[in-house]
N, C-alpha and C. Protein backbone atom coordinates (compact mmCIF):
# COMPACT_ATOMS: atom_id res chain seq x y z
N MET A 1 47.38 131.18 106.22
CA MET A 1 47.60 129.38 106.41
C MET A 1 48.85 129.35 105.96
N LYS A 2 49.83 128.69 106.49
CA LYS A 2 50.58 127.92 106.60
C LYS A 2 51.42 127.29 105.77
N ILE A 3 52.19 127.31 105.02
CA ILE A 3 52.40 126.59 104.00
C ILE A 3 53.71 125.52 104.22
N THR A 4 53.81 124.69 104.35
CA THR A 4 54.59 123.61 104.75
C THR A 4 55.05 122.45 103.83
N PRO A 5 55.42 121.60 104.12
CA PRO A 5 55.63 120.20 102.97
C PRO A 5 54.68 119.60 103.25
N GLU A 6 54.25 119.43 104.91
CA GLU A 6 52.89 118.59 105.24
C GLU A 6 51.57 118.66 104.69
N SER A 7 51.74 119.90 104.73
CA SER A 7 49.98 121.03 104.26
C SER A 7 50.29 120.62 103.13
N LEU A 8 51.31 121.02 102.11
CA LEU A 8 50.80 120.34 100.51
C LEU A 8 50.96 119.05 100.31
N THR A 9 51.06 117.88 101.01
CA THR A 9 50.93 116.63 101.04
C THR A 9 50.36 115.87 100.76
N ASP A 10 48.87 116.97 101.96
CA ASP A 10 47.67 116.99 102.10
C ASP A 10 46.86 117.47 101.68
N ALA A 11 47.02 118.50 100.79
CA ALA A 11 46.14 118.42 99.88
C ALA A 11 46.36 118.45 98.73
N ALA A 12 48.01 117.30 98.08
CA ALA A 12 47.74 116.58 96.91
C ALA A 12 47.14 115.63 97.67
N VAL A 13 47.01 114.75 98.62
CA VAL A 13 45.98 113.93 98.92
C VAL A 13 44.96 114.21 98.97
N ALA A 14 44.02 115.11 99.17
CA ALA A 14 42.81 115.20 98.66
C ALA A 14 42.44 115.60 97.48
N VAL A 15 43.00 116.55 96.76
CA VAL A 15 43.50 117.20 95.33
C VAL A 15 43.11 115.36 94.70
N GLY A 16 43.62 115.13 94.88
CA GLY A 16 44.31 113.19 94.28
C GLY A 16 42.46 112.29 94.86
N LYS A 17 42.22 112.67 95.46
CA LYS A 17 41.10 111.86 95.80
C LYS A 17 39.82 112.10 95.24
N LEU A 18 39.76 113.67 94.82
CA LEU A 18 38.43 113.99 93.81
C LEU A 18 38.76 113.68 92.60
N GLY A 19 40.50 113.86 92.21
CA GLY A 19 40.12 113.20 90.99
C GLY A 19 39.32 111.71 90.75
N GLU A 20 39.80 110.87 91.76
CA GLU A 20 39.52 109.19 91.47
C GLU A 20 38.00 109.46 91.54
N ALA A 21 37.27 110.47 92.54
CA ALA A 21 36.25 110.80 92.92
C ALA A 21 35.38 111.29 91.37
N VAL A 22 35.98 111.78 90.40
CA VAL A 22 35.02 111.27 89.05
C VAL A 22 34.70 110.53 88.38
N HIS A 23 35.18 109.44 88.37
CA HIS A 23 34.83 107.64 87.69
C HIS A 23 34.37 107.37 89.07
N ASP A 24 33.82 107.97 89.89
CA ASP A 24 32.91 107.03 90.15
C ASP A 24 31.36 107.26 90.10
N ALA A 25 30.45 105.92 89.52
CA ALA A 25 29.54 106.70 89.26
C ALA A 25 28.75 107.22 90.26
N ALA A 26 29.10 106.03 91.93
CA ALA A 26 27.82 107.24 92.84
C ALA A 26 28.09 108.20 92.89
N VAL A 27 29.56 108.81 92.70
CA VAL A 27 29.55 110.15 93.57
C VAL A 27 29.42 111.40 92.25
N PHE A 28 29.58 110.50 90.63
CA PHE A 28 28.95 111.13 89.42
C PHE A 28 28.34 110.26 88.45
N PRO A 29 27.11 110.07 88.88
CA PRO A 29 26.53 108.94 87.91
C PRO A 29 26.48 109.20 86.25
N PHE A 30 26.75 108.63 85.54
CA PHE A 30 26.77 108.42 84.22
C PHE A 30 25.28 110.16 83.63
N LEU A 31 25.62 110.57 83.21
CA LEU A 31 24.40 111.65 82.52
C LEU A 31 23.53 110.61 82.29
N GLY A 32 23.33 110.02 81.20
CA GLY A 32 21.77 109.13 80.78
C GLY A 32 20.82 110.49 79.32
N ALA A 33 21.59 111.19 79.23
CA ALA A 33 21.30 112.29 78.51
C ALA A 33 20.41 111.47 76.74
N SER A 34 20.88 110.78 76.91
CA SER A 34 20.38 109.81 75.36
C SER A 34 19.13 109.24 75.62
N ARG A 35 18.75 109.54 77.18
CA ARG A 35 17.43 108.82 77.08
C ARG A 35 16.40 109.48 76.77
N GLY A 36 16.31 110.76 76.92
CA GLY A 36 15.05 111.97 76.94
C GLY A 36 15.77 112.02 74.97
N VAL A 37 16.71 112.40 75.10
CA VAL A 37 16.62 112.34 73.22
C VAL A 37 15.85 111.47 73.16
N GLU A 38 15.67 110.18 73.20
CA GLU A 38 14.87 108.39 72.38
C GLU A 38 13.04 109.42 73.05
N ALA A 39 13.29 109.67 74.03
CA ALA A 39 11.87 109.85 74.20
C ALA A 39 10.96 111.21 73.99
N LEU A 40 12.02 111.79 73.81
CA LEU A 40 11.40 113.50 73.70
C LEU A 40 11.96 113.82 71.78
N LYS A 41 11.89 112.80 71.11
CA LYS A 41 12.60 112.72 69.53
C LYS A 41 11.65 113.73 68.44
N GLY A 42 12.59 114.09 68.27
CA GLY A 42 11.74 115.89 67.22
C GLY A 42 11.32 116.80 67.59
N SER A 43 11.65 116.71 69.07
CA SER A 43 11.73 117.53 70.04
C SER A 43 12.75 118.40 69.76
N PRO A 44 12.59 119.74 70.79
CA PRO A 44 13.53 121.19 70.73
C PRO A 44 14.04 120.38 71.99
N ILE A 45 13.92 120.00 72.94
CA ILE A 45 14.31 119.00 73.91
C ILE A 45 15.53 118.45 73.68
N ALA A 46 14.82 116.96 73.01
CA ALA A 46 15.88 116.24 72.29
C ALA A 46 16.84 116.94 71.57
N ASP A 47 16.44 117.99 70.63
CA ASP A 47 17.72 117.99 69.64
C ASP A 47 18.90 118.94 71.14
N ALA A 48 18.44 119.21 71.74
CA ALA A 48 19.18 120.14 72.73
C ALA A 48 20.40 118.98 73.61
N LEU A 49 19.58 118.27 73.64
CA LEU A 49 19.90 116.83 74.51
C LEU A 49 21.51 116.01 73.73
N THR A 50 20.88 116.56 72.42
CA THR A 50 22.08 115.65 71.67
C THR A 50 23.38 116.01 71.79
N GLY A 51 24.21 114.09 72.50
CA GLY A 51 25.49 114.76 72.45
C GLY A 51 25.83 115.66 74.19
N ALA A 52 24.58 115.71 74.40
CA ALA A 52 25.45 115.94 75.58
C ALA A 52 25.88 114.90 76.84
N ASP A 53 25.60 113.71 75.93
CA ASP A 53 26.38 112.31 77.28
C ASP A 53 28.00 112.09 76.86
N PRO A 54 28.42 112.93 75.05
CA PRO A 54 29.42 112.82 75.15
C PRO A 54 30.42 113.99 75.81
N ALA A 55 29.74 114.61 75.95
CA ALA A 55 30.18 115.71 76.10
C ALA A 55 29.93 115.57 77.60
N SER A 56 29.53 115.28 78.44
CA SER A 56 29.57 114.89 79.71
C SER A 56 30.44 113.98 80.30
N THR A 57 30.65 113.35 79.39
CA THR A 57 31.84 112.49 79.44
C THR A 57 33.31 112.64 78.98
N GLN A 58 33.68 113.83 78.14
CA GLN A 58 34.81 114.52 77.88
C GLN A 58 34.98 115.75 79.07
N ALA A 59 33.98 116.25 79.70
CA ALA A 59 34.26 117.06 80.74
C ALA A 59 34.84 116.48 81.86
N LYS A 60 34.24 115.47 82.32
CA LYS A 60 34.95 114.17 83.51
C LYS A 60 35.70 113.95 83.40
N ALA A 61 36.29 113.60 81.89
CA ALA A 61 37.90 113.40 81.93
C ALA A 61 38.73 114.73 81.89
N THR A 62 38.08 115.71 81.44
CA THR A 62 39.24 117.01 81.85
C THR A 62 39.15 117.37 82.89
N LEU A 63 37.97 117.04 83.67
CA LEU A 63 38.33 117.54 85.36
C LEU A 63 39.12 116.34 85.60
N ALA A 64 39.26 115.19 85.78
CA ALA A 64 40.09 114.21 86.62
C ALA A 64 41.54 114.00 85.72
N SER A 65 41.26 115.21 84.78
CA SER A 65 43.00 114.96 84.25
C SER A 65 43.36 116.94 85.47
N ARG A 66 42.84 117.76 85.04
CA ARG A 66 42.89 118.57 85.84
C ARG A 66 43.80 118.44 87.06
N TYR A 67 42.57 118.11 88.40
CA TYR A 67 42.67 117.53 89.41
C TYR A 67 43.93 116.51 89.68
N GLU A 68 44.35 115.80 88.69
CA GLU A 68 45.28 114.76 88.44
C GLU A 68 46.81 115.49 88.38
N ALA A 69 46.60 116.52 87.57
CA ALA A 69 47.93 117.70 87.12
C ALA A 69 47.97 118.16 88.56
N ILE A 70 47.15 118.21 88.96
CA ILE A 70 47.31 119.60 90.45
C ILE A 70 47.94 118.95 91.73
N ALA A 71 47.14 117.43 91.67
CA ALA A 71 47.84 116.51 92.76
C ALA A 71 49.20 116.46 92.73
N SER A 72 49.65 116.41 91.02
CA SER A 72 50.76 115.89 91.35
C SER A 72 51.25 117.18 91.17
N MET A 73 51.80 119.12 91.28
CA MET A 73 52.63 119.73 91.85
C MET A 73 52.24 119.75 93.25
N LEU A 74 51.36 119.85 93.63
CA LEU A 74 51.59 119.80 95.28
C LEU A 74 52.46 118.84 95.13
N TYR A 75 51.90 117.48 95.24
CA TYR A 75 53.29 116.50 95.23
C TYR A 75 54.42 117.22 95.01
N THR A 76 55.05 117.38 93.99
CA THR A 76 56.36 117.98 93.57
C THR A 76 56.71 119.06 94.24
N THR A 77 55.74 119.84 94.84
CA THR A 77 56.04 120.98 95.66
C THR A 77 56.37 121.25 97.17
N ALA A 78 56.17 119.89 97.82
CA ALA A 78 55.72 119.31 98.82
C ALA A 78 57.39 118.87 98.98
N THR A 79 58.00 118.39 98.21
CA THR A 79 59.53 117.59 98.12
C THR A 79 60.34 118.75 97.97
N THR A 80 59.51 119.50 97.19
CA THR A 80 61.22 120.87 96.78
C THR A 80 60.85 121.62 97.23
N PHE A 81 59.94 122.23 98.43
CA PHE A 81 59.35 123.30 99.11
C PHE A 81 60.66 123.70 99.81
N LYS A 82 60.64 125.14 99.93
CA LYS A 82 62.13 126.34 100.22
C LYS A 82 61.57 127.41 100.95
N GLY A 83 60.32 127.38 101.44
CA GLY A 83 59.52 128.57 102.64
C GLY A 83 59.19 128.96 101.80
N GLN A 84 58.33 128.72 100.14
CA GLN A 84 57.23 130.02 99.26
C GLN A 84 57.18 129.08 98.43
N ASP A 85 56.15 129.50 98.13
CA ASP A 85 55.12 128.22 97.62
C ASP A 85 54.69 128.91 95.54
N GLN A 86 55.86 130.33 95.33
CA GLN A 86 55.57 130.77 94.32
C GLN A 86 55.88 129.87 92.72
N ASP A 87 57.09 129.00 92.82
CA ASP A 87 56.56 127.78 91.80
C ASP A 87 55.43 127.00 91.43
N LEU A 88 55.15 126.99 92.44
CA LEU A 88 53.80 126.49 92.83
C LEU A 88 52.75 127.36 92.26
N ALA A 89 52.70 128.75 92.62
CA ALA A 89 51.88 129.62 92.36
C ALA A 89 51.81 129.72 90.29
N ASP A 90 53.05 129.89 90.07
CA ASP A 90 53.51 129.60 88.78
C ASP A 90 52.59 128.86 88.23
N GLN A 91 52.76 127.53 88.20
CA GLN A 91 52.27 125.76 87.44
C GLN A 91 51.42 125.80 87.94
N LEU A 92 50.46 126.36 88.58
CA LEU A 92 48.87 126.22 88.37
C LEU A 92 48.16 127.52 87.98
N GLY A 93 49.05 128.57 87.91
CA GLY A 93 48.45 130.01 87.02
C GLY A 93 49.00 129.39 85.04
N ARG A 94 49.49 128.26 84.46
CA ARG A 94 49.93 127.60 83.41
C ARG A 94 48.90 126.82 83.18
N ILE A 95 48.29 126.59 83.93
CA ILE A 95 46.99 125.32 83.45
C ILE A 95 45.90 126.18 82.65
N GLY A 96 45.81 126.97 82.66
CA GLY A 96 44.41 127.72 82.16
C GLY A 96 43.28 127.36 82.32
N ASP A 97 42.39 128.18 81.68
CA ASP A 97 40.80 128.23 81.79
C ASP A 97 40.14 126.57 81.63
N LEU A 98 40.03 126.06 82.50
CA LEU A 98 39.27 124.73 82.34
C LEU A 98 37.95 124.64 81.06
N ASN A 99 36.97 126.10 81.26
CA ASN A 99 36.66 126.37 79.83
C ASN A 99 36.85 126.29 78.25
N SER A 100 38.22 126.17 78.64
CA SER A 100 38.32 127.07 77.66
C SER A 100 38.87 126.09 76.24
N LYS A 101 38.59 126.17 74.90
CA LYS A 101 38.74 125.29 73.85
C LYS A 101 39.72 124.24 74.00
N ALA A 102 40.85 124.49 74.67
CA ALA A 102 41.90 123.91 74.16
C ALA A 102 41.68 122.70 75.25
N ASN A 103 40.63 122.60 76.11
CA ASN A 103 40.33 121.61 76.88
C ASN A 103 39.72 120.72 76.52
C-alpha cells in the first residue's frame, strides 16, 4: 500500500466517521442492562449486570475519543507528509492500549 497525502486524508475521513458512528444509537444502541438488573433483582446475573450501562457509556466515549485522535493525527500527517510515515507511526504508538486502566 502506498502512503500519500490523499490516502492519509481518506483514512482520516473514514476513521472520523467511525468516531461519529459511536454516538449514533442506530449503530451502537444503548446497552440497557439496567432492565435486566431490575427484572432479575437478587440474582447473580443482576449482580453481574450492575454498572454495565455506565461502563458501556464510558467505553463508547473512550472509543469515540480514540477515533477522533487518530483521525486528527492522520489529517496532520497528510498536511506535513514528506514521503514517509514514521511520525504517524510514532504518534500511533504513543496512544497506548485501549484496555489499559488509564483509559
